[in-house]
Amino acid sequence: MMAGMKTSHITLYGIPNCNTVKNARAWLADQRVAYVFHDFKKEGVPAELLPGWIAAMGWELLLNRKGTTWRKLDEVTRLAVVDTPSATALMLAQPSVIKRPVVVWPDGKVSVGFDAAAFAAHRVP
């Protein structure tokens, strides 16, 4: 599914031990909103969806330059991320460098990060 395509459910992509992912999952559970969780660590980044996410929000927003994974990269690798192809390659190779969670909503919209008000603004099934 690419950005803009409707689906019957919410899919939340991330890493289970990420605090922001935990907060998003807790919020969804508290609101009794059903969702599918895709674990980047176990299932990898869905390469067929990444271009749609980048088209929806831009690689600059999707790339987490504040996280531990980014900081641990050598300077040459960090400086090489300058455009969509280089960012895509890094995100596929190092899923933890993607800002989390990425959420694909039933209306096909894509969001990144967690904000309760923004989540509440989405129509959820």
PDB file of N, CA and C in Angstrom:
ATOM      1  N   MET A   1       0.845  -1.183   0.000  1.00  0.00           N
ATOM      2  CA  MET A   1       0.000   0.000   0.000  1.00  0.00           C
ATOM      3  C   MET A   1       0.884   1.238   0.000  1.00  0.00           C
ATOM      4  N   MET A   2       0.611   2.121  -0.875  1.00  0.00           N
ATOM      5  CA  MET A   2       1.361   3.374  -0.954  1.00  0.00           C
ATOM      6  C   MET A   2       0.584   4.458  -0.221  1.00  0.00           C
ATOM      7  N   ALA A   3       1.262   5.525   0.124  1.00  0.00           N
ATOM      8  CA  ALA A   3       0.590   6.655   0.760  1.00  0.00           C
ATOM      9  C   ALA A   3      -0.561   7.082  -0.124  1.00  0.00           C
ATOM     10  N   GLY A   4      -1.678   7.370   0.496  1.00  0.00           N
ATOM     11  CA  GLY A   4      -2.846   7.803  -0.253  1.00  0.00           C
ATOM     12  C   GLY A   4      -3.810   6.671  -0.556  1.00  0.00           C
ATOM     13  N   MET A   5      -3.400   5.420  -0.352  1.00  0.00           N
ATOM     14  CA  MET A   5      -4.297   4.301  -0.580  1.00  0.00           C
ATOM     15  C   MET A   5      -5.026   3.978   0.709  1.00  0.00           C
ATOM     16  N   LYS A   6      -6.321   3.738   0.593  1.00  0.00           N
ATOM     17  CA  LYS A   6      -7.110   3.446   1.787  1.00  0.00           C
ATOM     18  C   LYS A   6      -6.931   1.994   2.201  1.00  0.00           C
ATOM     19  N   THR A   7      -7.075   1.767   3.491  1.00  0.00           N
ATOM     20  CA  THR A   7      -6.994   0.435   4.066  1.00  0.00           C
ATOM     21  C   THR A   7      -8.077   0.325   5.132  1.00  0.00           C
ATOM     22  N   SER A   8      -8.340  -0.875   5.584  1.00  0.00           N
ATOM     23  CA  SER A   8      -9.393  -1.056   6.575  1.00  0.00           C
ATOM     24  C   SER A   8      -8.867  -1.005   8.004  1.00  0.00           C
ATOM     25  N   HIS A   9      -7.581  -0.805   8.159  1.00  0.00           N
ATOM     26  CA  HIS A   9      -7.004  -0.825   9.506  1.00  0.00           C
ATOM     27  C   HIS A   9      -5.856   0.170   9.639  1.00  0.00           C
ATOM     28  N   ILE A  10      -5.423   0.333  10.866  1.00  0.00           N
ATOM     29  CA  ILE A  10      -4.258   1.158  11.183  1.00  0.00           C
ATOM     30  C   ILE A  10      -3.061   0.224  11.276  1.00  0.00           C
ATOM     31  N   THR A  11      -1.960   0.637  10.669  1.00  0.00           N
ATOM     32  CA  THR A  11      -0.723  -0.110  10.845  1.00  0.00           C
ATOM     33  C   THR A  11       0.293   0.834  11.467  1.00  0.00           C
ATOM     34  N   LEU A  12       0.864   0.389  12.572  1.00  0.00           N
ATOM     35  CA  LEU A  12       1.861   1.155  13.299  1.00  0.00           C
ATOM     36  C   LEU A  12       3.199   0.440  13.116  1.00  0.00           C
ATOM     37  N   TYR A  13       4.174   1.160  12.571  1.00  0.00           N
ATOM     38  CA  TYR A  13       5.496   0.610  12.300  1.00  0.00           C
ATOM     39  C   TYR A  13       6.481   1.183  13.301  1.00  0.00           C
ATOM     40  N   GLY A  14       7.324   0.316  13.846  1.00  0.00           N
ATOM     41  CA  GLY A  14       8.316   0.809  14.790  1.00  0.00           C
ATOM     42  C   GLY A  14       9.079  -0.308  15.457  1.00  0.00           C
ATOM     43  N   ILE A  15       9.602   0.022  16.616  1.00  0.00           N
ATOM     44  CA  ILE A  15      10.407  -0.894  17.416  1.00  0.00           C
ATOM     45  C   ILE A  15       9.758  -0.958  18.799  1.00  0.00           C
ATOM     46  N   PRO A  16       9.500  -2.157  19.308  1.00  0.00           N
ATOM     47  CA  PRO A  16       8.732  -2.276  20.551  1.00  0.00           C
ATOM     48  C   PRO A  16       9.329  -1.573  21.758  1.00  0.00           C
ATOM     49  N   ASN A  17      10.652  -1.468  21.864  1.00  0.00           N
ATOM     50  CA  ASN A  17      11.242  -0.855  23.053  1.00  0.00           C
ATOM     51  C   ASN A  17      11.426   0.654  22.933  1.00  0.00           C
ATOM     52  N   CYS A  18      10.995   1.243  21.835  1.00  0.00           N
ATOM     53  CA  CYS A  18      11.071   2.697  21.648  1.00  0.00           C
ATOM     54  C   CYS A  18       9.985   3.360  22.503  1.00  0.00           C
ATOM     55  N   ASN A  19      10.361   4.332  23.311  1.00  0.00           N
ATOM     56  CA  ASN A  19       9.393   4.986  24.199  1.00  0.00           C
ATOM     57  C   ASN A  19       8.256   5.655  23.443  1.00  0.00           C
ATOM     58  N   THR A  20       8.543   6.270  22.311  1.00  0.00           N
ATOM     59  CA  THR A  20       7.495   6.931  21.544  1.00  0.00           C
ATOM     60  C   THR A  20       6.519   5.902  20.980  1.00  0.00           C
ATOM     61  N   VAL A  21       7.033   4.776  20.533  1.00  0.00           N
ATOM     62  CA  VAL A  21       6.181   3.692  20.052  1.00  0.00           C
ATOM     63  C   VAL A  21       5.330   3.157  21.198  1.00  0.00           C
ATOM     64  N   LYS A  22       5.937   2.986  22.366  1.00  0.00           N
ATOM     65  CA  LYS A  22       5.181   2.524  23.538  1.00  0.00           C
ATOM     66  C   LYS A  22       4.040   3.482  23.864  1.00  0.00           C
ATOM     67  N   ASN A  23       4.322   4.791  23.813  1.00  0.00           N
ATOM     68  CA  ASN A  23       3.279   5.784  24.092  1.00  0.00           C
ATOM     69  C   ASN A  23       2.152   5.722  23.064  1.00  0.00           C
ATOM     70  N   ALA A  24       2.511   5.573  21.804  1.00  0.00           N
ATOM     71  CA  ALA A  24       1.499   5.484  20.746  1.00  0.00           C
ATOM     72  C   ALA A  24       0.651   4.230  20.919  1.00  0.00           C
ATOM     73  N   ARG A  25       1.286   3.121  21.197  1.00  0.00           N
ATOM     74  CA  ARG A  25       0.549   1.864  21.382  1.00  0.00           C
ATOM     75  C   ARG A  25      -0.362   1.942  22.612  1.00  0.00           C
ATOM     76  N   ALA A  26       0.131   2.546  23.681  1.00  0.00           N
ATOM     77  CA  ALA A  26      -0.685   2.700  24.884  1.00  0.00           C
ATOM     78  C   ALA A  26      -1.894   3.590  24.601  1.00  0.00           C
ATOM     79  N   TRP A  27      -1.696   4.667  23.858  1.00  0.00           N
ATOM     80  CA  TRP A  27      -2.802   5.568  23.518  1.00  0.00           C
ATOM     81  C   TRP A  27      -3.855   4.822  22.701  1.00  0.00           C
ATOM     82  N   LEU A  28      -3.407   4.074  21.694  1.00  0.00           N
ATOM     83  CA  LEU A  28      -4.353   3.309  20.873  1.00  0.00           C
ATOM     84  C   LEU A  28      -5.109   2.292  21.716  1.00  0.00           C
ATOM     85  N   ALA A  29      -4.393   1.614  22.619  1.00  0.00           N
ATOM     86  CA  ALA A  29      -5.044   0.639  23.493  1.00  0.00           C
ATOM     87  C   ALA A  29      -6.055   1.315  24.427  1.00  0.00           C
ATOM     88  N   ASP A  30      -5.673   2.455  25.001  1.00  0.00           N
ATOM     89  CA  ASP A  30      -6.579   3.196  25.887  1.00  0.00           C
ATOM     90  C   ASP A  30      -7.840   3.650  25.167  1.00  0.00           C
ATOM     91  N   GLN A  31      -7.701   3.960  23.869  1.00  0.00           N
ATOM     92  CA  GLN A  31      -8.846   4.405  23.069  1.00  0.00           C
ATOM     93  C   GLN A  31      -9.605   3.218  22.475  1.00  0.00           C
ATOM     94  N   ARG A  32      -9.133   2.012  22.767  1.00  0.00           N
ATOM     95  CA  ARG A  32      -9.698   0.772  22.234  1.00  0.00           C
ATOM     96  C   ARG A  32      -9.717   0.767  20.702  1.00  0.00           C
ATOM     97  N   VAL A  33      -8.612   1.231  20.140  1.00  0.00           N
ATOM     98  CA  VAL A  33      -8.457   1.276  18.687  1.00  0.00           C
ATOM     99  C   VAL A  33      -7.597   0.080  18.258  1.00  0.00           C
ATOM    100  N   ALA A  34      -8.155  -0.730  17.381  1.00  0.00           N
ATOM    101  CA  ALA A  34      -7.419  -1.886  16.875  1.00  0.00           C
ATOM    102  C   ALA A  34      -6.372  -1.415  15.865  1.00  0.00           C
ATOM    103  N   TYR A  35      -5.233  -2.070  15.878  1.00  0.00           N
ATOM    104  CA  TYR A  35      -4.168  -1.736  14.939  1.00  0.00           C
ATOM    105  C   TYR A  35      -3.295  -2.957  14.727  1.00  0.00           C
ATOM    106  N   VAL A  36      -2.520  -2.921  13.671  1.00  0.00           N
ATOM    107  CA  VAL A  36      -1.527  -3.946  13.385  1.00  0.00           C
ATOM    108  C   VAL A  36      -0.170  -3.336  13.681  1.00  0.00           C
ATOM    109  N   PHE A  37       0.678  -4.072  14.399  1.00  0.00           N
ATOM    110  CA  PHE A  37       2.022  -3.592  14.703  1.00  0.00           C
ATOM    111  C   PHE A  37       3.030  -4.305  13.821  1.00  0.00           C
ATOM    112  N   HIS A  38       3.870  -3.534  13.160  1.00  0.00           N
ATOM    113  CA  HIS A  38       4.950  -4.066  12.312  1.00  0.00           C
ATOM    114  C   HIS A  38       6.273  -3.714  12.992  1.00  0.00           C
ATOM    115  N   ASP A  39       6.984  -4.722  13.437  1.00  0.00           N
ATOM    116  CA  ASP A  39       8.241  -4.564  14.165  1.00  0.00           C
ATOM    117  C   ASP A  39       9.405  -4.488  13.180  1.00  0.00           C
ATOM    118  N   PHE A  40      10.031  -3.312  13.088  1.00  0.00           N
ATOM    119  CA  PHE A  40      11.169  -3.132  12.195  1.00  0.00           C
ATOM    120  C   PHE A  40      12.290  -4.122  12.505  1.00  0.00           C
ATOM    121  N   LYS A  41      12.496  -4.435  13.777  1.00  0.00           N
ATOM    122  CA  LYS A  41      13.601  -5.314  14.159  1.00  0.00           C
ATOM    123  C   LYS A  41      13.373  -6.735  13.646  1.00  0.00           C
ATOM    124  N   LYS A  42      12.130  -7.213  13.726  1.00  0.00           N
ATOM    125  CA  LYS A  42      11.827  -8.590  13.327  1.00  0.00           C
ATOM    126  C   LYS A  42      11.442  -8.704  11.857  1.00  0.00           C
ATOM    127  N   GLU A  43      10.728  -7.700  11.350  1.00  0.00           N
ATOM    128  CA  GLU A  43      10.166  -7.791  10.000  1.00  0.00           C
ATOM    129  C   GLU A  43      10.852  -6.891   8.983  1.00  0.00           C
ATOM    130  N   GLY A  44      11.738  -6.030   9.452  1.00  0.00           N
ATOM    131  CA  GLY A  44      12.424  -5.112   8.555  1.00  0.00           C
ATOM    132  C   GLY A  44      11.526  -3.972   8.096  1.00  0.00           C
ATOM    133  N   VAL A  45      12.104  -3.098   7.313  1.00  0.00           N
ATOM    134  CA  VAL A  45      11.364  -1.971   6.748  1.00  0.00           C
ATOM    135  C   VAL A  45      10.705  -2.463   5.458  1.00  0.00           C
ATOM    136  N   PRO A  46       9.417  -2.239   5.302  1.00  0.00           N
ATOM    137  CA  PRO A  46       8.772  -2.667   4.057  1.00  0.00           C
ATOM    138  C   PRO A  46       9.252  -1.800   2.885  1.00  0.00           C
ATOM    139  N   ALA A  47      10.189  -2.346   2.110  1.00  0.00           N
ATOM    140  CA  ALA A  47      10.831  -1.591   1.026  1.00  0.00           C
ATOM    141  C   ALA A  47       9.824  -1.062   0.013  1.00  0.00           C
ATOM    142  N   GLU A  48       8.729  -1.768  -0.169  1.00  0.00           N
ATOM    143  CA  GLU A  48       7.728  -1.323  -1.136  1.00  0.00           C
ATOM    144  C   GLU A  48       6.911  -0.134  -0.621  1.00  0.00           C
ATOM    145  N   LEU A  49       6.907   0.092   0.688  1.00  0.00           N
ATOM    146  CA  LEU A  49       6.149   1.206   1.271  1.00  0.00           C
ATOM    147  C   LEU A  49       6.998   2.447   1.508  1.00  0.00           C
ATOM    148  N   LEU A  50       8.291   2.258   1.679  1.00  0.00           N
ATOM    149  CA  LEU A  50       9.172   3.378   2.015  1.00  0.00           C
ATOM    150  C   LEU A  50       9.071   4.542   1.024  1.00  0.00           C
ATOM    151  N   PRO A  51       9.032   4.307  -0.289  1.00  0.00           N
ATOM    152  CA  PRO A  51       8.884   5.447  -1.212  1.00  0.00           C
ATOM    153  C   PRO A  51       7.601   6.253  -0.969  1.00  0.00           C
ATOM    154  N   GLY A  52       6.524   5.585  -0.617  1.00  0.00           N
ATOM    155  CA  GLY A  52       5.274   6.286  -0.325  1.00  0.00           C
ATOM    156  C   GLY A  52       5.368   7.119   0.941  1.00  0.00           C
ATOM    157  N   TRP A  53       6.048   6.594   1.949  1.00  0.00           N
ATOM    158  CA  TRP A  53       6.243   7.354   3.179  1.00  0.00           C
ATOM    159  C   TRP A  53       7.072   8.594   2.900  1.00  0.00           C
ATOM    160  N   ILE A  54       8.125   8.422   2.114  1.00  0.00           N
ATOM    161  CA  ILE A  54       8.985   9.554   1.784  1.00  0.00           C
ATOM    162  C   ILE A  54       8.217  10.582   0.965  1.00  0.00           C
ATOM    163  N   ALA A  55       7.398  10.113   0.029  1.00  0.00           N
ATOM    164  CA  ALA A  55       6.585  11.030  -0.774  1.00  0.00           C
ATOM    165  C   ALA A  55       5.591  11.785   0.100  1.00  0.00           C
ATOM    166  N   ALA A  56       5.057  11.128   1.118  1.00  0.00           N
ATOM    167  CA  ALA A  56       4.043  11.733   1.985  1.00  0.00           C
ATOM    168  C   ALA A  56       4.627  12.766   2.938  1.00  0.00           C
ATOM    169  N   MET A  57       5.839  12.510   3.454  1.00  0.00           N
ATOM    170  CA  MET A  57       6.349  13.415   4.481  1.00  0.00           C
ATOM    171  C   MET A  57       7.759  13.909   4.265  1.00  0.00           C
ATOM    172  N   GLY A  58       8.443  13.390   3.260  1.00  0.00           N
ATOM    173  CA  GLY A  58       9.813  13.822   2.999  1.00  0.00           C
ATOM    174  C   GLY A  58      10.821  12.997   3.783  1.00  0.00           C
ATOM    175  N   TRP A  59      11.935  12.696   3.155  1.00  0.00           N
ATOM    176  CA  TRP A  59      12.944  11.880   3.829  1.00  0.00           C
ATOM    177  C   TRP A  59      13.560  12.603   5.020  1.00  0.00           C
ATOM    178  N   GLU A  60      13.592  13.933   4.964  1.00  0.00           N
ATOM    179  CA  GLU A  60      14.192  14.695   6.057  1.00  0.00           C
ATOM    180  C   GLU A  60      13.419  14.527   7.360  1.00  0.00           C
ATOM    181  N   LEU A  61      12.091  14.444   7.273  1.00  0.00           N
ATOM    182  CA  LEU A  61      11.268  14.240   8.466  1.00  0.00           C
ATOM    183  C   LEU A  61      11.340  12.794   8.935  1.00  0.00           C
ATOM    184  N   LEU A  62      11.416  11.884   8.003  1.00  0.00           N
ATOM    185  CA  LEU A  62      11.417  10.456   8.333  1.00  0.00           C
ATOM    186  C   LEU A  62      12.739   9.995   8.942  1.00  0.00           C
ATOM    187  N   LEU A  63      13.817  10.664   8.606  1.00  0.00           N
ATOM    188  CA  LEU A  63      15.142  10.301   9.106  1.00  0.00           C
ATOM    189  C   LEU A  63      15.359  10.904  10.494  1.00  0.00           C
ATOM    190  N   ASN A  64      15.601  10.043  11.462  1.00  0.00           N
ATOM    191  CA  ASN A  64      15.787  10.490  12.845  1.00  0.00           C
ATOM    192  C   ASN A  64      17.255  10.813  13.100  1.00  0.00           C
ATOM    193  N   ARG A  65      17.579  12.088  12.973  1.00  0.00           N
ATOM    194  CA  ARG A  65      18.967  12.522  13.180  1.00  0.00           C
ATOM    195  C   ARG A  65      19.289  12.779  14.652  1.00  0.00           C
ATOM    196  N   LYS A  66      18.320  12.591  15.528  1.00  0.00           N
ATOM    197  CA  LYS A  66      18.562  12.811  16.955  1.00  0.00           C
ATOM    198  C   LYS A  66      18.758  11.508  17.713  1.00  0.00           C
ATOM    199  N   GLY A  67      18.489  10.398  17.064  1.00  0.00           N
ATOM    200  CA  GLY A  67      18.525   9.113  17.743  1.00  0.00           C
ATOM    201  C   GLY A  67      19.914   8.515  17.883  1.00  0.00           C
ATOM    202  N   THR A  68      19.989   7.499  18.706  1.00  0.00           N
ATOM    203  CA  THR A  68      21.242   6.808  18.992  1.00  0.00           C
ATOM    204  C   THR A  68      21.843   6.192  17.734  1.00  0.00           C
ATOM    205  N   THR A  69      21.003   5.592  16.899  1.00  0.00           N
ATOM    206  CA  THR A  69      21.524   4.935  15.698  1.00  0.00           C
ATOM    207  C   THR A  69      22.243   5.940  14.808  1.00  0.00           C
ATOM    208  N   TRP A  70      21.639   7.108  14.601  1.00  0.00           N
ATOM    209  CA  TRP A  70      22.264   8.144  13.775  1.00  0.00           C
ATOM    210  C   TRP A  70      23.592   8.597  14.376  1.00  0.00           C
ATOM    211  N   ARG A  71      23.575   8.831  15.684  1.00  0.00           N
ATOM    212  CA  ARG A  71      24.789   9.318  16.354  1.00  0.00           C
ATOM    213  C   ARG A  71      25.920   8.303  16.306  1.00  0.00           C
ATOM    214  N   LYS A  72      25.588   7.016  16.250  1.00  0.00           N
ATOM    215  CA  LYS A  72      26.617   5.972  16.212  1.00  0.00           C
ATOM    216  C   LYS A  72      27.207   5.778  14.818  1.00  0.00           C
ATOM    217  N   LEU A  73      26.553   6.316  13.799  1.00  0.00           N
ATOM    218  CA  LEU A  73      27.087   6.183  12.436  1.00  0.00           C
ATOM    219  C   LEU A  73      28.354   7.009  12.298  1.00  0.00           C
ATOM    220  N   ASP A  74      29.272   6.523  11.476  1.00  0.00           N
ATOM    221  CA  ASP A  74      30.477   7.307  11.253  1.00  0.00           C
ATOM    222  C   ASP A  74      30.129   8.555  10.442  1.00  0.00           C
ATOM    223  N   GLU A  75      30.990   9.541  10.533  1.00  0.00           N
ATOM    224  CA  GLU A  75      30.721  10.838   9.904  1.00  0.00           C
ATOM    225  C   GLU A  75      30.574  10.727   8.390  1.00  0.00           C
ATOM    226  N   VAL A  76      31.352   9.876   7.769  1.00  0.00           N
ATOM    227  CA  VAL A  76      31.275   9.697   6.315  1.00  0.00           C
ATOM    228  C   VAL A  76      29.876   9.213   5.919  1.00  0.00           C
ATOM    229  N   THR A  77      29.336   8.257   6.666  1.00  0.00           N
ATOM    230  CA  THR A  77      27.993   7.736   6.387  1.00  0.00           C
ATOM    231  C   THR A  77      26.948   8.821   6.583  1.00  0.00           C
ATOM    232  N   ARG A  78      27.053   9.567   7.671  1.00  0.00           N
ATOM    233  CA  ARG A  78      26.075  10.640   7.931  1.00  0.00           C
ATOM    234  C   ARG A  78      26.137  11.706   6.842  1.00  0.00           C
ATOM    235  N   LEU A  79      27.318  12.106   6.451  1.00  0.00           N
ATOM    236  CA  LEU A  79      27.461  13.151   5.430  1.00  0.00           C
ATOM    237  C   LEU A  79      27.004  12.688   4.051  1.00  0.00           C
ATOM    238  N   ALA A  80      26.963  11.377   3.837  1.00  0.00           N
ATOM    239  CA  ALA A  80      26.545  10.837   2.541  1.00  0.00           C
ATOM    240  C   ALA A  80      25.030  10.871   2.345  1.00  0.00           C
ATOM    241  N   VAL A  81      24.280  11.114   3.411  1.00  0.00           N
ATOM    242  CA  VAL A  81      22.814  11.156   3.306  1.00  0.00           C
ATOM    243  C   VAL A  81      22.411  12.567   2.902  1.00  0.00           C
ATOM    244  N   VAL A  82      22.171  12.740   1.606  1.00  0.00           N
ATOM    245  CA  VAL A  82      21.932  14.071   1.060  1.00  0.00           C
ATOM    246  C   VAL A  82      20.670  14.167   0.209  1.00  0.00           C
ATOM    247  N   ASP A  83      20.030  13.015  -0.081  1.00  0.00           N
ATOM    248  CA  ASP A  83      18.873  13.032  -0.965  1.00  0.00           C
ATOM    249  C   ASP A  83      18.032  11.775  -0.732  1.00  0.00           C
ATOM    250  N   THR A  84      16.955  11.655  -1.480  1.00  0.00           N
ATOM    251  CA  THR A  84      16.052  10.517  -1.307  1.00  0.00           C
ATOM    252  C   THR A  84      16.741   9.169  -1.506  1.00  0.00           C
ATOM    253  N   PRO A  85      17.510   8.962  -2.565  1.00  0.00           N
ATOM    254  CA  PRO A  85      18.152   7.648  -2.721  1.00  0.00           C
ATOM    255  C   PRO A  85      19.114   7.290  -1.586  1.00  0.00           C
ATOM    256  N   SER A  86      19.918   8.243  -1.147  1.00  0.00           N
ATOM    257  CA  SER A  86      20.873   7.942  -0.075  1.00  0.00           C
ATOM    258  C   SER A  86      20.153   7.722   1.258  1.00  0.00           C
ATOM    259  N   ALA A  87      19.100   8.486   1.517  1.00  0.00           N
ATOM    260  CA  ALA A  87      18.321   8.301   2.748  1.00  0.00           C
ATOM    261  C   ALA A  87      17.589   6.964   2.721  1.00  0.00           C
ATOM    262  N   THR A  88      17.030   6.608   1.574  1.00  0.00           N
ATOM    263  CA  THR A  88      16.324   5.332   1.432  1.00  0.00           C
ATOM    264  C   THR A  88      17.272   4.167   1.699  1.00  0.00           C
ATOM    265  N   ALA A  89      18.442   4.219   1.110  1.00  0.00           N
ATOM    266  CA  ALA A  89      19.424   3.140   1.309  1.00  0.00           C
ATOM    267  C   ALA A  89      19.777   2.986   2.787  1.00  0.00           C
ATOM    268  N   LEU A  90      19.984   4.110   3.479  1.00  0.00           N
ATOM    269  CA  LEU A  90      20.317   4.046   4.898  1.00  0.00           C
ATOM    270  C   LEU A  90      19.150   3.497   5.714  1.00  0.00           C
ATOM    271  N   MET A  91      17.936   3.947   5.427  1.00  0.00           N
ATOM    272  CA  MET A  91      16.767   3.477   6.182  1.00  0.00           C
ATOM    273  C   MET A  91      16.531   1.979   5.994  1.00  0.00           C
ATOM    274  N   LEU A  92      16.787   1.482   4.795  1.00  0.00           N
ATOM    275  CA  LEU A  92      16.635   0.040   4.567  1.00  0.00           C
ATOM    276  C   LEU A  92      17.727  -0.749   5.273  1.00  0.00           C
ATOM    277  N   ALA A  93      18.929  -0.211   5.302  1.00  0.00           N
ATOM    278  CA  ALA A  93      20.056  -0.898   5.945  1.00  0.00           C
ATOM    279  C   ALA A  93      20.028  -0.779   7.465  1.00  0.00           C
ATOM    280  N   GLN A  94      19.535   0.360   7.968  1.00  0.00           N
ATOM    281  CA  GLN A  94      19.519   0.650   9.405  1.00  0.00           C
ATOM    282  C   GLN A  94      18.107   1.110   9.806  1.00  0.00           C
ATOM    283  N   PRO A  95      17.148   0.190   9.949  1.00  0.00           N
ATOM    284  CA  PRO A  95      15.769   0.579  10.248  1.00  0.00           C
ATOM    285  C   PRO A  95      15.612   1.464  11.484  1.00  0.00           C
ATOM    286  N   SER A  96      16.528   1.342  12.421  1.00  0.00           N
ATOM    287  CA  SER A  96      16.417   2.129  13.650  1.00  0.00           C
ATOM    288  C   SER A  96      16.643   3.616  13.423  1.00  0.00           C
ATOM    289  N   VAL A  97      17.100   4.000  12.231  1.00  0.00           N
ATOM    290  CA  VAL A  97      17.324   5.403  11.936  1.00  0.00           C
ATOM    291  C   VAL A  97      16.023   6.095  11.480  1.00  0.00           C
ATOM    292  N   ILE A  98      14.954   5.321  11.330  1.00  0.00           N
ATOM    293  CA  ILE A  98      13.661   5.898  10.951  1.00  0.00           C
ATOM    294  C   ILE A  98      12.980   6.429  12.203  1.00  0.00           C
ATOM    295  N   LYS A  99      12.482   7.661  12.109  1.00  0.00           N
ATOM    296  CA  LYS A  99      11.729   8.247  13.219  1.00  0.00           C
ATOM    297  C   LYS A  99      10.482   7.400  13.433  1.00  0.00           C
ATOM    298  N   ARG A 100      10.125   7.212  14.691  1.00  0.00           N
ATOM    299  CA  ARG A 100       9.036   6.297  15.017  1.00  0.00           C
ATOM    300  C   ARG A 100       8.001   6.941  15.922  1.00  0.00           C
ATOM    301  N   PRO A 101       6.805   6.367  15.875  1.00  0.00           N
ATOM    302  CA  PRO A 101       6.320   5.364  14.937  1.00  0.00           C
ATOM    303  C   PRO A 101       5.898   5.995  13.619  1.00  0.00           C
ATOM    304  N   VAL A 102       5.932   5.180  12.581  1.00  0.00           N
ATOM    305  CA  VAL A 102       5.291   5.546  11.322  1.00  0.00           C
ATOM    306  C   VAL A 102       3.914   4.889  11.380  1.00  0.00           C
ATOM    307  N   VAL A 103       2.881   5.667  11.110  1.00  0.00           N
ATOM    308  CA  VAL A 103       1.522   5.136  11.167  1.00  0.00           C
ATOM    309  C   VAL A 103       0.854   5.354   9.816  1.00  0.00           C
ATOM    310  N   VAL A 104       0.272   4.282   9.300  1.00  0.00           N
ATOM    311  CA  VAL A 104      -0.555   4.378   8.102  1.00  0.00           C
ATOM    312  C   VAL A 104      -1.989   4.234   8.577  1.00  0.00           C
ATOM    313  N   TRP A 105      -2.771   5.287   8.353  1.00  0.00           N
ATOM    314  CA  TRP A 105      -4.145   5.379   8.823  1.00  0.00           C
ATOM    315  C   TRP A 105      -5.113   4.786   7.801  1.00  0.00           C
ATOM    316  N   PRO A 106      -6.322   4.434   8.217  1.00  0.00           N
ATOM    317  CA  PRO A 106      -7.285   3.841   7.281  1.00  0.00           C
ATOM    318  C   PRO A 106      -7.582   4.702   6.051  1.00  0.00           C
ATOM    319  N   ASP A 107      -7.439   6.023   6.174  1.00  0.00           N
ATOM    320  CA  ASP A 107      -7.697   6.891   5.020  1.00  0.00           C
ATOM    321  C   ASP A 107      -6.491   6.982   4.089  1.00  0.00           C
ATOM    322  N   GLY A 108      -5.409   6.234   4.414  1.00  0.00           N
ATOM    323  CA  GLY A 108      -4.219   6.220   3.576  1.00  0.00           C
ATOM    324  C   GLY A 108      -3.181   7.258   3.947  1.00  0.00           C
ATOM    325  N   LYS A 109      -3.526   8.165   4.876  1.00  0.00           N
ATOM    326  CA  LYS A 109      -2.552   9.162   5.303  1.00  0.00           C
ATOM    327  C   LYS A 109      -1.465   8.498   6.140  1.00  0.00           C
ATOM    328  N   VAL A 110      -0.294   9.129   6.112  1.00  0.00           N
ATOM    329  CA  VAL A 110       0.862   8.607   6.837  1.00  0.00           C
ATOM    330  C   VAL A 110       1.319   9.679   7.818  1.00  0.00           C
ATOM    331  N   SER A 111       1.628   9.246   9.046  1.00  0.00           N
ATOM    332  CA  SER A 111       2.175  10.176  10.029  1.00  0.00           C
ATOM    333  C   SER A 111       3.417   9.554  10.654  1.00  0.00           C
ATOM    334  N   VAL A 112       4.222  10.404  11.272  1.00  0.00           N
ATOM    335  CA  VAL A 112       5.414   9.926  11.963  1.00  0.00           C
ATOM    336  C   VAL A 112       5.462  10.597  13.327  1.00  0.00           C
ATOM    337  N   GLY A 113       5.880   9.832  14.327  1.00  0.00           N
ATOM    338  CA  GLY A 113       5.920  10.346  15.693  1.00  0.00           C
ATOM    339  C   GLY A 113       4.583  10.134  16.384  1.00  0.00           C
ATOM    340  N   PHE A 114       4.533  10.542  17.641  1.00  0.00           N
ATOM    341  CA  PHE A 114       3.291  10.408  18.396  1.00  0.00           C
ATOM    342  C   PHE A 114       2.927  11.729  19.052  1.00  0.00           C
ATOM    343  N   ASP A 115       1.698  12.125  18.818  1.00  0.00           N
ATOM    344  CA  ASP A 115       1.088  13.266  19.473  1.00  0.00           C
ATOM    345  C   ASP A 115      -0.375  12.892  19.664  1.00  0.00           C
ATOM    346  N   ALA A 116      -0.824  12.866  20.906  1.00  0.00           N
ATOM    347  CA  ALA A 116      -2.194  12.406  21.196  1.00  0.00           C
ATOM    348  C   ALA A 116      -3.240  13.193  20.422  1.00  0.00           C
ATOM    349  N   ALA A 117      -3.087  14.502  20.344  1.00  0.00           N
ATOM    350  CA  ALA A 117      -4.065  15.321  19.631  1.00  0.00           C
ATOM    351  C   ALA A 117      -4.086  14.992  18.143  1.00  0.00           C
ATOM    352  N   ALA A 118      -2.917  14.775  17.561  1.00  0.00           N
ATOM    353  CA  ALA A 118      -2.853  14.414  16.142  1.00  0.00           C
ATOM    354  C   ALA A 118      -3.465  13.035  15.911  1.00  0.00           C
ATOM    355  N   PHE A 119      -3.202  12.096  16.813  1.00  0.00           N
ATOM    356  CA  PHE A 119      -3.803  10.771  16.682  1.00  0.00           C
ATOM    357  C   PHE A 119      -5.326  10.882  16.787  1.00  0.00           C
ATOM    358  N   ALA A 120      -5.803  11.666  17.743  1.00  0.00           N
ATOM    359  CA  ALA A 120      -7.244  11.812  17.940  1.00  0.00           C
ATOM    360  C   ALA A 120      -7.909  12.465  16.739  1.00  0.00           C
ATOM    361  N   ALA A 121      -7.173  13.277  16.001  1.00  0.00           N
ATOM    362  CA  ALA A 121      -7.738  13.968  14.843  1.00  0.00           C
ATOM    363  C   ALA A 121      -8.016  13.005  13.679  1.00  0.00           C
ATOM    364  N   HIS A 122      -7.342  11.876  13.677  1.00  0.00           N
ATOM    365  CA  HIS A 122      -7.592  10.883  12.625  1.00  0.00           C
ATOM    366  C   HIS A 122      -8.870  10.140  12.934  1.00  0.00           C
ATOM    367  N   ARG A 123      -9.629   9.904  11.909  1.00  0.00           N
ATOM    368  CA  ARG A 123     -10.828   9.084  12.095  1.00  0.00           C
ATOM    369  C   ARG A 123     -10.360   7.647  12.218  1.00  0.00           C
ATOM    370  N   VAL A 124     -10.677   7.054  13.326  1.00  0.00           N
ATOM    371  CA  VAL A 124     -10.250   5.675  13.557  1.00  0.00           C
ATOM    372  C   VAL A 124     -11.468   4.776  13.577  1.00  0.00           C
ATOM    373  N   PRO A 125     -11.292   3.533  13.103  1.00  0.00           N
ATOM    374  CA  PRO A 125     -12.442   2.617  13.053  1.00  0.00           C
ATOM    375  C   PRO A 125     -12.924   2.239  14.430  1.00  0.00           C
TER     376      PRO A 125
END
